[in-house]
PDB file of N, CA and C in Angstrom:
ATOM      1  N   MET A   1      -5.070  16.641  12.415  1.00  0.00           N
ATOM      2  CA  MET A   1      -5.509  15.301  12.085  1.00  0.00           C
ATOM      3  C   MET A   1      -5.674  15.150  10.573  1.00  0.00           C
ATOM      4  N   PHE A   2      -6.191  16.199   9.932  1.00  0.00           N
ATOM      5  CA  PHE A   2      -6.413  16.134   8.489  1.00  0.00           C
ATOM      6  C   PHE A   2      -5.094  15.954   7.738  1.00  0.00           C
ATOM      7  N   LEU A   3      -4.077  16.694   8.148  1.00  0.00           N
ATOM      8  CA  LEU A   3      -2.769  16.587   7.507  1.00  0.00           C
ATOM      9  C   LEU A   3      -2.167  15.200   7.732  1.00  0.00           C
ATOM     10  N   TYR A   4      -2.337  14.665   8.918  1.00  0.00           N
ATOM     11  CA  TYR A   4      -1.859  13.315   9.265  1.00  0.00           C
ATOM     12  C   TYR A   4      -2.472  12.274   8.339  1.00  0.00           C
ATOM     13  N   VAL A   5      -3.774  12.322   8.176  1.00  0.00           N
ATOM     14  CA  VAL A   5      -4.469  11.364   7.317  1.00  0.00           C
ATOM     15  C   VAL A   5      -4.093  11.581   5.851  1.00  0.00           C
ATOM     16  N   LEU A   6      -3.956  12.825   5.439  1.00  0.00           N
ATOM     17  CA  LEU A   6      -3.595  13.130   4.059  1.00  0.00           C
ATOM     18  C   LEU A   6      -2.192  12.611   3.717  1.00  0.00           C
ATOM     19  N   VAL A   7      -1.247  12.781   4.622  1.00  0.00           N
ATOM     20  CA  VAL A   7       0.105  12.277   4.391  1.00  0.00           C
ATOM     21  C   VAL A   7       0.108  10.751   4.354  1.00  0.00           C
ATOM     22  N   LEU A   8      -0.653  10.113   5.217  1.00  0.00           N
ATOM     23  CA  LEU A   8      -0.728   8.648   5.201  1.00  0.00           C
ATOM     24  C   LEU A   8      -1.345   8.134   3.900  1.00  0.00           C
ATOM     25  N   ILE A   9      -2.374   8.807   3.420  1.00  0.00           N
ATOM     26  CA  ILE A   9      -2.984   8.409   2.147  1.00  0.00           C
ATOM     27  C   ILE A   9      -1.982   8.565   1.007  1.00  0.00           C
ATOM     28  N   ALA A  10      -1.249   9.676   1.011  1.00  0.00           N
ATOM     29  CA  ALA A  10      -0.258   9.902  -0.053  1.00  0.00           C
ATOM     30  C   ALA A  10       0.853   8.860   0.002  1.00  0.00           C
ATOM     31  N   MET A  11       1.315   8.514   1.188  1.00  0.00           N
ATOM     32  CA  MET A  11       2.376   7.510   1.311  1.00  0.00           C
ATOM     33  C   MET A  11       1.879   6.134   0.865  1.00  0.00           C
ATOM     34  N   THR A  12       0.677   5.788   1.246  1.00  0.00           N
ATOM     35  CA  THR A  12       0.114   4.493   0.864  1.00  0.00           C
ATOM     36  C   THR A  12      -0.099   4.415  -0.645  1.00  0.00           C
ATOM     37  N   ALA A  13      -0.684   5.452  -1.218  1.00  0.00           N
ATOM     38  CA  ALA A  13      -0.916   5.460  -2.666  1.00  0.00           C
ATOM     39  C   ALA A  13       0.404   5.444  -3.432  1.00  0.00           C
ATOM     40  N   GLY A  14       1.382   6.187  -2.953  1.00  0.00           N
ATOM     41  CA  GLY A  14       2.676   6.208  -3.620  1.00  0.00           C
ATOM     42  C   GLY A  14       3.381   4.868  -3.581  1.00  0.00           C
ATOM     43  N   ALA A  15       3.372   4.225  -2.429  1.00  0.00           N
ATOM     44  CA  ALA A  15       4.034   2.919  -2.298  1.00  0.00           C
ATOM     45  C   ALA A  15       3.335   1.864  -3.147  1.00  0.00           C
ATOM     46  N   ALA A  16       2.013   1.857  -3.140  1.00  0.00           N
ATOM     47  CA  ALA A  16       1.271   0.879  -3.933  1.00  0.00           C
ATOM     48  C   ALA A  16       1.470   1.116  -5.427  1.00  0.00           C
ATOM     49  N   THR A  17       1.472   2.370  -5.841  1.00  0.00           N
ATOM     50  CA  THR A  17       1.675   2.698  -7.254  1.00  0.00           C
ATOM     51  C   THR A  17       3.074   2.324  -7.707  1.00  0.00           C
ATOM     52  N   LEU A  18       4.058   2.621  -6.886  1.00  0.00           N
ATOM     53  CA  LEU A  18       5.443   2.277  -7.217  1.00  0.00           C
ATOM     54  C   LEU A  18       5.614   0.765  -7.355  1.00  0.00           C
ATOM     55  N   CYS A  19       5.044   0.021  -6.450  1.00  0.00           N
ATOM     56  CA  CYS A  19       5.138  -1.438  -6.510  1.00  0.00           C
ATOM     57  C   CYS A  19       4.412  -1.979  -7.745  1.00  0.00           C
ATOM     58  N   PHE A  20       3.224  -1.432  -8.043  1.00  0.00           N
ATOM     59  CA  PHE A  20       2.466  -1.878  -9.207  1.00  0.00           C
ATOM     60  C   PHE A  20       3.223  -1.578 -10.496  1.00  0.00           C
ATOM     61  N   GLN A  21       3.770  -0.373 -10.609  1.00  0.00           N
ATOM     62  CA  GLN A  21       4.507  -0.010 -11.814  1.00  0.00           C
ATOM     63  C   GLN A  21       5.755  -0.869 -11.989  1.00  0.00           C
ATOM     64  N   PHE A  22       6.423  -1.193 -10.902  1.00  0.00           N
ATOM     65  CA  PHE A  22       7.605  -2.048 -10.976  1.00  0.00           C
ATOM     66  C   PHE A  22       7.244  -3.435 -11.506  1.00  0.00           C
ATOM     67  N   MET A  23       6.178  -4.024 -10.973  1.00  0.00           N
ATOM     68  CA  MET A  23       5.759  -5.356 -11.431  1.00  0.00           C
ATOM     69  C   MET A  23       5.242  -5.300 -12.863  1.00  0.00           C
ATOM     70  N   ASN A  24       4.530  -4.245 -13.205  1.00  0.00           N
ATOM     71  CA  ASN A  24       4.022  -4.105 -14.567  1.00  0.00           C
ATOM     72  C   ASN A  24       5.173  -3.954 -15.567  1.00  0.00           C
ATOM     73  N   ASN A  25       6.216  -3.254 -15.161  1.00  0.00           N
ATOM     74  CA  ASN A  25       7.395  -3.099 -16.006  1.00  0.00           C
ATOM     75  C   ASN A  25       8.087  -4.441 -16.221  1.00  0.00           C
ATOM     76  N   LYS A  26       8.217  -5.222 -15.166  1.00  0.00           N
ATOM     77  CA  LYS A  26       8.835  -6.543 -15.299  1.00  0.00           C
ATOM     78  C   LYS A  26       8.003  -7.451 -16.204  1.00  0.00           C
ATOM     79  N   LEU A  27       6.689  -7.320 -16.130  1.00  0.00           N
ATOM     80  CA  LEU A  27       5.824  -8.098 -17.024  1.00  0.00           C
ATOM     81  C   LEU A  27       5.980  -7.634 -18.472  1.00  0.00           C
ATOM     82  N   ALA A  28       6.072  -6.335 -18.675  1.00  0.00           N
ATOM     83  CA  ALA A  28       6.208  -5.810 -20.037  1.00  0.00           C
ATOM     84  C   ALA A  28       7.527  -6.251 -20.665  1.00  0.00           C
ATOM     85  N   LEU A  29       8.567  -6.341 -19.873  1.00  0.00           N
ATOM     86  CA  LEU A  29       9.862  -6.803 -20.376  1.00  0.00           C
ATOM     87  C   LEU A  29       9.942  -8.325 -20.450  1.00  0.00           C
ATOM     88  N   GLN A  30       8.905  -8.992 -20.001  1.00  0.00           N
ATOM     89  CA  GLN A  30       8.790 -10.456 -19.979  1.00  0.00           C
ATOM     90  C   GLN A  30       9.922 -11.107 -19.185  1.00  0.00           C
ATOM     91  N   ARG A  31      10.233 -10.505 -18.055  1.00  0.00           N
ATOM     92  CA  ARG A  31      11.249 -11.066 -17.172  1.00  0.00           C
ATOM     93  C   ARG A  31      10.658 -12.052 -16.172  1.00  0.00           C
ATOM     94  N   ILE A  32       9.369 -11.884 -15.849  1.00  0.00           N
ATOM     95  CA  ILE A  32       8.685 -12.799 -14.927  1.00  0.00           C
ATOM     96  C   ILE A  32       7.310 -13.132 -15.498  1.00  0.00           C
ATOM     97  N   SER A  33       6.750 -14.219 -15.016  1.00  0.00           N
ATOM     98  CA  SER A  33       5.418 -14.615 -15.476  1.00  0.00           C
ATOM     99  C   SER A  33       4.365 -13.875 -14.661  1.00  0.00           C
ATOM    100  N   ILE A  34       3.127 -13.970 -15.116  1.00  0.00           N
ATOM    101  CA  ILE A  34       2.030 -13.292 -14.427  1.00  0.00           C
ATOM    102  C   ILE A  34       1.822 -13.862 -13.033  1.00  0.00           C
ATOM    103  N   TYR A  35       2.012 -15.150 -12.868  1.00  0.00           N
ATOM    104  CA  TYR A  35       1.821 -15.783 -11.559  1.00  0.00           C
ATOM    105  C   TYR A  35       2.890 -15.322 -10.569  1.00  0.00           C
ATOM    106  N   ASP A  36       4.113 -15.232 -11.044  1.00  0.00           N
ATOM    107  CA  ASP A  36       5.186 -14.733 -10.190  1.00  0.00           C
ATOM    108  C   ASP A  36       4.973 -13.263  -9.849  1.00  0.00           C
ATOM    109  N   ALA A  37       4.547 -12.477 -10.826  1.00  0.00           N
ATOM    110  CA  ALA A  37       4.323 -11.044 -10.594  1.00  0.00           C
ATOM    111  C   ALA A  37       3.237 -10.832  -9.554  1.00  0.00           C
ATOM    112  N   ARG A  38       2.164 -11.577  -9.647  1.00  0.00           N
ATOM    113  CA  ARG A  38       1.085 -11.433  -8.663  1.00  0.00           C
ATOM    114  C   ARG A  38       1.537 -11.885  -7.276  1.00  0.00           C
ATOM    115  N   GLY A  39       2.312 -12.939  -7.216  1.00  0.00           N
ATOM    116  CA  GLY A  39       2.824 -13.400  -5.932  1.00  0.00           C
ATOM    117  C   GLY A  39       3.782 -12.404  -5.308  1.00  0.00           C
ATOM    118  N   PHE A  40       4.713 -11.884  -6.105  1.00  0.00           N
ATOM    119  CA  PHE A  40       5.651 -10.882  -5.608  1.00  0.00           C
ATOM    120  C   PHE A  40       4.919  -9.604  -5.199  1.00  0.00           C
ATOM    121  N   TYR A  41       3.908  -9.240  -5.979  1.00  0.00           N
ATOM    122  CA  TYR A  41       3.138  -8.040  -5.665  1.00  0.00           C
ATOM    123  C   TYR A  41       2.407  -8.207  -4.332  1.00  0.00           C
ATOM    124  N   MET A  42       1.844  -9.376  -4.119  1.00  0.00           N
ATOM    125  CA  MET A  42       1.126  -9.612  -2.863  1.00  0.00           C
ATOM    126  C   MET A  42       2.075  -9.568  -1.675  1.00  0.00           C
ATOM    127  N   VAL A  43       3.233 -10.197  -1.804  1.00  0.00           N
ATOM    128  CA  VAL A  43       4.216 -10.179  -0.715  1.00  0.00           C
ATOM    129  C   VAL A  43       4.696  -8.758  -0.459  1.00  0.00           C
ATOM    130  N   ALA A  44       4.947  -8.007  -1.519  1.00  0.00           N
ATOM    131  CA  ALA A  44       5.392  -6.624  -1.365  1.00  0.00           C
ATOM    132  C   ALA A  44       4.317  -5.774  -0.696  1.00  0.00           C
ATOM    133  N   MET A  45       3.058  -5.983  -1.045  1.00  0.00           N
ATOM    134  CA  MET A  45       1.985  -5.208  -0.429  1.00  0.00           C
ATOM    135  C   MET A  45       1.787  -5.587   1.038  1.00  0.00           C
ATOM    136  N   VAL A  46       1.999  -6.843   1.392  1.00  0.00           N
ATOM    137  CA  VAL A  46       1.937  -7.234   2.805  1.00  0.00           C
ATOM    138  C   VAL A  46       3.049  -6.528   3.581  1.00  0.00           C
ATOM    139  N   PHE A  47       4.249  -6.466   2.998  1.00  0.00           N
ATOM    140  CA  PHE A  47       5.355  -5.775   3.644  1.00  0.00           C
ATOM    141  C   PHE A  47       5.066  -4.276   3.770  1.00  0.00           C
ATOM    142  N   ILE A  48       4.557  -3.675   2.704  1.00  0.00           N
ATOM    143  CA  ILE A  48       4.214  -2.247   2.734  1.00  0.00           C
ATOM    144  C   ILE A  48       3.132  -1.984   3.775  1.00  0.00           C
ATOM    145  N   THR A  49       2.152  -2.866   3.868  1.00  0.00           N
ATOM    146  CA  THR A  49       1.092  -2.720   4.863  1.00  0.00           C
ATOM    147  C   THR A  49       1.669  -2.755   6.267  1.00  0.00           C
ATOM    148  N   PHE A  50       2.561  -3.703   6.526  1.00  0.00           N
ATOM    149  CA  PHE A  50       3.175  -3.796   7.848  1.00  0.00           C
ATOM    150  C   PHE A  50       3.957  -2.538   8.190  1.00  0.00           C
ATOM    151  N   VAL A  51       4.774  -2.072   7.272  1.00  0.00           N
ATOM    152  CA  VAL A  51       5.611  -0.896   7.539  1.00  0.00           C
ATOM    153  C   VAL A  51       4.751   0.352   7.730  1.00  0.00           C
ATOM    154  N   LEU A  52       3.783   0.567   6.847  1.00  0.00           N
ATOM    155  CA  LEU A  52       2.985   1.790   6.932  1.00  0.00           C
ATOM    156  C   LEU A  52       2.030   1.793   8.120  1.00  0.00           C
ATOM    157  N   THR A  53       1.462   0.651   8.481  1.00  0.00           N
ATOM    158  CA  THR A  53       0.593   0.630   9.653  1.00  0.00           C
ATOM    159  C   THR A  53       1.402   0.822  10.929  1.00  0.00           C
ATOM    160  N   SER A  54       2.603   0.277  10.970  1.00  0.00           N
ATOM    161  CA  SER A  54       3.466   0.513  12.128  1.00  0.00           C
ATOM    162  C   SER A  54       3.819   1.988  12.244  1.00  0.00           C
ATOM    163  N   LEU A  55       4.193   2.578  11.123  1.00  0.00           N
ATOM    164  CA  LEU A  55       4.511   4.000  11.110  1.00  0.00           C
ATOM    165  C   LEU A  55       3.301   4.837  11.508  1.00  0.00           C
ATOM    166  N   ALA A  56       2.138   4.507  10.985  1.00  0.00           N
ATOM    167  CA  ALA A  56       0.925   5.257  11.300  1.00  0.00           C
ATOM    168  C   ALA A  56       0.584   5.157  12.778  1.00  0.00           C
ATOM    169  N   TYR A  57       0.745   3.973  13.350  1.00  0.00           N
ATOM    170  CA  TYR A  57       0.422   3.807  14.762  1.00  0.00           C
ATOM    171  C   TYR A  57       1.362   4.627  15.645  1.00  0.00           C
ATOM    172  N   PHE A  58       2.667   4.482  15.424  1.00  0.00           N
ATOM    173  CA  PHE A  58       3.615   5.180  16.288  1.00  0.00           C
ATOM    174  C   PHE A  58       3.586   6.692  16.073  1.00  0.00           C
ATOM    175  N   TRP A  59       3.428   7.120  14.829  1.00  0.00           N
ATOM    176  CA  TRP A  59       3.319   8.547  14.560  1.00  0.00           C
ATOM    177  C   TRP A  59       2.046   9.116  15.184  1.00  0.00           C
ATOM    178  N   GLY A  60       0.953   8.390  15.053  1.00  0.00           N
ATOM    179  CA  GLY A  60      -0.310   8.840  15.647  1.00  0.00           C
ATOM    180  C   GLY A  60      -0.283   8.805  17.155  1.00  0.00           C
ATOM    181  N   ASP A  61       0.382   7.816  17.720  1.00  0.00           N
ATOM    182  CA  ASP A  61       0.470   7.715  19.163  1.00  0.00           C
ATOM    183  C   ASP A  61       1.300   8.866  19.739  1.00  0.00           C
ATOM    184  N   ILE A  62       2.383   9.203  19.078  1.00  0.00           N
ATOM    185  CA  ILE A  62       3.218  10.315  19.541  1.00  0.00           C
ATOM    186  C   ILE A  62       2.487  11.648  19.353  1.00  0.00           C
ATOM    187  N   ARG A  63       1.850  11.793  18.203  1.00  0.00           N
ATOM    188  CA  ARG A  63       1.225  13.078  17.855  1.00  0.00           C
ATOM    189  C   ARG A  63      -0.051  13.335  18.641  1.00  0.00           C
ATOM    190  N   PHE A  64      -0.879  12.323  18.843  1.00  0.00           N
ATOM    191  CA  PHE A  64      -2.205  12.532  19.426  1.00  0.00           C
ATOM    192  C   PHE A  64      -2.371  11.881  20.789  1.00  0.00           C
ATOM    193  N   SER A  65      -1.286  11.542  21.484  1.00  0.00           N
ATOM    194  CA  SER A  65      -1.423  10.851  22.773  1.00  0.00           C
ATOM    195  C   SER A  65      -1.988  11.760  23.859  1.00  0.00           C
ATOM    196  N   SER A  66      -1.780  13.069  23.735  1.00  0.00           N
ATOM    197  CA  SER A  66      -2.274  13.979  24.766  1.00  0.00           C
ATOM    198  C   SER A  66      -3.767  14.279  24.615  1.00  0.00           C
ATOM    199  N   GLU A  67      -4.296  14.051  23.448  1.00  0.00           N
ATOM    200  CA  GLU A  67      -5.713  14.317  23.227  1.00  0.00           C
ATOM    201  C   GLU A  67      -6.548  13.146  23.732  1.00  0.00           C
ATOM    202  N   ILE A  68      -7.559  13.450  24.485  1.00  0.00           N
ATOM    203  CA  ILE A  68      -8.454  12.405  24.981  1.00  0.00           C
ATOM    204  C   ILE A  68      -9.719  12.453  24.136  1.00  0.00           C
ATOM    205  N   THR A  69      -9.815  11.509  23.241  1.00  0.00           N
ATOM    206  CA  THR A  69     -10.985  11.401  22.375  1.00  0.00           C
ATOM    207  C   THR A  69     -11.497   9.975  22.433  1.00  0.00           C
ATOM    208  N   GLU A  70     -12.630   9.760  21.833  1.00  0.00           N
ATOM    209  CA  GLU A  70     -13.205   8.425  21.844  1.00  0.00           C
ATOM    210  C   GLU A  70     -12.394   7.454  20.996  1.00  0.00           C
ATOM    211  N   VAL A  71     -11.929   7.914  19.830  1.00  0.00           N
ATOM    212  CA  VAL A  71     -11.089   7.104  18.956  1.00  0.00           C
ATOM    213  C   VAL A  71      -9.773   7.847  18.787  1.00  0.00           C
ATOM    214  N   SER A  72      -8.664   7.167  19.072  1.00  0.00           N
ATOM    215  CA  SER A  72      -7.375   7.847  19.007  1.00  0.00           C
ATOM    216  C   SER A  72      -6.940   8.050  17.556  1.00  0.00           C
ATOM    217  N   GLY A  73      -6.048   8.999  17.363  1.00  0.00           N
ATOM    218  CA  GLY A  73      -5.519   9.273  16.032  1.00  0.00           C
ATOM    219  C   GLY A  73      -4.720   8.125  15.479  1.00  0.00           C
ATOM    220  N   ALA A  74      -4.072   7.380  16.373  1.00  0.00           N
ATOM    221  CA  ALA A  74      -3.281   6.236  15.928  1.00  0.00           C
ATOM    222  C   ALA A  74      -4.172   5.169  15.291  1.00  0.00           C
ATOM    223  N   VAL A  75      -5.318   4.943  15.868  1.00  0.00           N
ATOM    224  CA  VAL A  75      -6.237   3.932  15.327  1.00  0.00           C
ATOM    225  C   VAL A  75      -6.785   4.384  13.980  1.00  0.00           C
ATOM    226  N   ILE A  76      -7.095   5.648  13.858  1.00  0.00           N
ATOM    227  CA  ILE A  76      -7.579   6.177  12.579  1.00  0.00           C
ATOM    228  C   ILE A  76      -6.502   6.037  11.511  1.00  0.00           C
ATOM    229  N   GLY A  77      -5.258   6.346  11.854  1.00  0.00           N
ATOM    230  CA  GLY A  77      -4.154   6.206  10.906  1.00  0.00           C
ATOM    231  C   GLY A  77      -3.938   4.776  10.468  1.00  0.00           C
ATOM    232  N   VAL A  78      -4.018   3.844  11.401  1.00  0.00           N
ATOM    233  CA  VAL A  78      -3.861   2.428  11.063  1.00  0.00           C
ATOM    234  C   VAL A  78      -4.978   1.978  10.136  1.00  0.00           C
ATOM    235  N   LEU A  79      -6.200   2.388  10.424  1.00  0.00           N
ATOM    236  CA  LEU A  79      -7.321   2.000   9.566  1.00  0.00           C
ATOM    237  C   LEU A  79      -7.211   2.601   8.171  1.00  0.00           C
ATOM    238  N   VAL A  80      -6.749   3.833   8.079  1.00  0.00           N
ATOM    239  CA  VAL A  80      -6.580   4.479   6.770  1.00  0.00           C
ATOM    240  C   VAL A  80      -5.529   3.745   5.951  1.00  0.00           C
ATOM    241  N   THR A  81      -4.395   3.410   6.566  1.00  0.00           N
ATOM    242  CA  THR A  81      -3.344   2.718   5.813  1.00  0.00           C
ATOM    243  C   THR A  81      -3.758   1.297   5.457  1.00  0.00           C
ATOM    244  N   LEU A  82      -4.457   0.611   6.352  1.00  0.00           N
ATOM    245  CA  LEU A  82      -4.943  -0.731   6.015  1.00  0.00           C
ATOM    246  C   LEU A  82      -5.909  -0.694   4.841  1.00  0.00           C
ATOM    247  N   LEU A  83      -6.824   0.245   4.871  1.00  0.00           N
ATOM    248  CA  LEU A  83      -7.784   0.359   3.767  1.00  0.00           C
ATOM    249  C   LEU A  83      -7.081   0.698   2.461  1.00  0.00           C
ATOM    250  N   GLY A  84      -6.131   1.630   2.514  1.00  0.00           N
ATOM    251  CA  GLY A  84      -5.393   1.995   1.308  1.00  0.00           C
ATOM    252  C   GLY A  84      -4.592   0.838   0.740  1.00  0.00           C
ATOM    253  N   CYS A  85      -3.963   0.068   1.608  1.00  0.00           N
ATOM    254  CA  CYS A  85      -3.177  -1.079   1.140  1.00  0.00           C
ATOM    255  C   CYS A  85      -4.079  -2.182   0.579  1.00  0.00           C
ATOM    256  N   LEU A  86      -5.228  -2.384   1.177  1.00  0.00           N
ATOM    257  CA  LEU A  86      -6.161  -3.376   0.640  1.00  0.00           C
ATOM    258  C   LEU A  86      -6.692  -2.965  -0.727  1.00  0.00           C
ATOM    259  N   VAL A  87      -6.973  -1.682  -0.893  1.00  0.00           N
ATOM    260  CA  VAL A  87      -7.419  -1.185  -2.196  1.00  0.00           C
ATOM    261  C   VAL A  87      -6.305  -1.353  -3.225  1.00  0.00           C
ATOM    262  N   GLY A  88      -5.074  -1.019  -2.838  1.00  0.00           N
ATOM    263  CA  GLY A  88      -3.935  -1.186  -3.744  1.00  0.00           C
ATOM    264  C   GLY A  88      -3.694  -2.639  -4.106  1.00  0.00           C
ATOM    265  N   LEU A  89      -3.860  -3.528  -3.140  1.00  0.00           N
ATOM    266  CA  LEU A  89      -3.690  -4.956  -3.405  1.00  0.00           C
ATOM    267  C   LEU A  89      -4.756  -5.468  -4.365  1.00  0.00           C
ATOM    268  N   GLY A  90      -5.989  -5.108  -4.110  1.00  0.00           N
ATOM    269  CA  GLY A  90      -7.071  -5.540  -5.000  1.00  0.00           C
ATOM    270  C   GLY A  90      -6.924  -5.005  -6.399  1.00  0.00           C
ATOM    271  N   TYR A  91      -6.575  -3.727  -6.510  1.00  0.00           N
ATOM    272  CA  TYR A  91      -6.390  -3.127  -7.829  1.00  0.00           C
ATOM    273  C   TYR A  91      -5.234  -3.793  -8.562  1.00  0.00           C
ATOM    274  N   GLY A  92      -4.123  -3.968  -7.876  1.00  0.00           N
ATOM    275  CA  GLY A  92      -2.942  -4.536  -8.520  1.00  0.00           C
ATOM    276  C   GLY A  92      -3.140  -5.970  -8.980  1.00  0.00           C
ATOM    277  N   LEU A  93      -3.782  -6.774  -8.150  1.00  0.00           N
ATOM    278  CA  LEU A  93      -3.977  -8.173  -8.528  1.00  0.00           C
ATOM    279  C   LEU A  93      -4.936  -8.335  -9.692  1.00  0.00           C
ATOM    280  N   THR A  94      -5.868  -7.401  -9.837  1.00  0.00           N
ATOM    281  CA  THR A  94      -6.797  -7.517 -10.971  1.00  0.00           C
ATOM    282  C   THR A  94      -6.262  -6.860 -12.240  1.00  0.00           C
ATOM    283  N   LYS A  95      -5.385  -5.867 -12.114  1.00  0.00           N
ATOM    284  CA  LYS A  95      -4.907  -5.136 -13.290  1.00  0.00           C
ATOM    285  C   LYS A  95      -3.577  -5.622 -13.848  1.00  0.00           C
ATOM    286  N   LEU A  96      -2.833  -6.421 -13.111  1.00  0.00           N
ATOM    287  CA  LEU A  96      -1.596  -6.979 -13.675  1.00  0.00           C
ATOM    288  C   LEU A  96      -1.972  -7.964 -14.766  1.00  0.00           C
ATOM    289  N   LYS A  97      -1.455  -7.764 -15.950  1.00  0.00           N
ATOM    290  CA  LYS A  97      -1.812  -8.628 -17.091  1.00  0.00           C
ATOM    291  C   LYS A  97      -0.568  -9.095 -17.805  1.00  0.00           C
ATOM    292  N   GLU A  98      -0.673 -10.259 -18.356  1.00  0.00           N
ATOM    293  CA  GLU A  98       0.406 -10.823 -19.160  1.00  0.00           C
ATOM    294  C   GLU A  98       0.459 -10.084 -20.484  1.00  0.00           C
ATOM    295  N   VAL A  99       1.659  -9.757 -20.928  1.00  0.00           N
ATOM    296  CA  VAL A  99       1.852  -9.070 -22.205  1.00  0.00           C
ATOM    297  C   VAL A  99       1.903 -10.118 -23.307  1.00  0.00           C
ATOM    298  N   ASP A 100       1.202  -9.829 -24.392  1.00  0.00           N
ATOM    299  CA  ASP A 100       1.182 -10.768 -25.518  1.00  0.00           C
ATOM    300  C   ASP A 100       2.529 -10.711 -26.232  1.00  0.00           C
ATOM    301  N   SER A 101       3.203 -11.815 -26.330  1.00  0.00           N
ATOM    302  CA  SER A 101       4.544 -11.836 -26.928  1.00  0.00           C
ATOM    303  C   SER A 101       4.490 -11.797 -28.464  1.00  0.00           C
ATOM    304  N   ARG A 102       3.323 -11.996 -29.072  1.00  0.00           N
ATOM    305  CA  ARG A 102       3.207 -11.979 -30.525  1.00  0.00           C
ATOM    306  C   ARG A 102       3.186 -10.567 -31.085  1.00  0.00           C
ATOM    307  N   SER A 103       2.939  -9.562 -30.240  1.00  0.00           N
ATOM    308  CA  SER A 103       2.848  -8.199 -30.780  1.00  0.00           C
ATOM    309  C   SER A 103       4.163  -7.473 -30.770  1.00  0.00           C
TER     310      SER A 103
END
């Protein structure tokens, strides 16, 4: 279970970081505005959340379906990925900044 949760955390953090760096790079090159970057970032994080929670559920269901516990591994995986994606969304929306074109 520990390895399952650790891999899900790493995948969530990696996807959120990659998306944030991509949007930050586009802002630094002044290819998109801050409003567009935040909108694209939010849509991308919703997509990442959907994909990773689906993966976490099915992987957890296959891996831990034989174990009879009070809370299944699939539910724990879904909650971990949802929390990670929400943290990534909050961090990204507050840290994306417009680059000053005068410098």
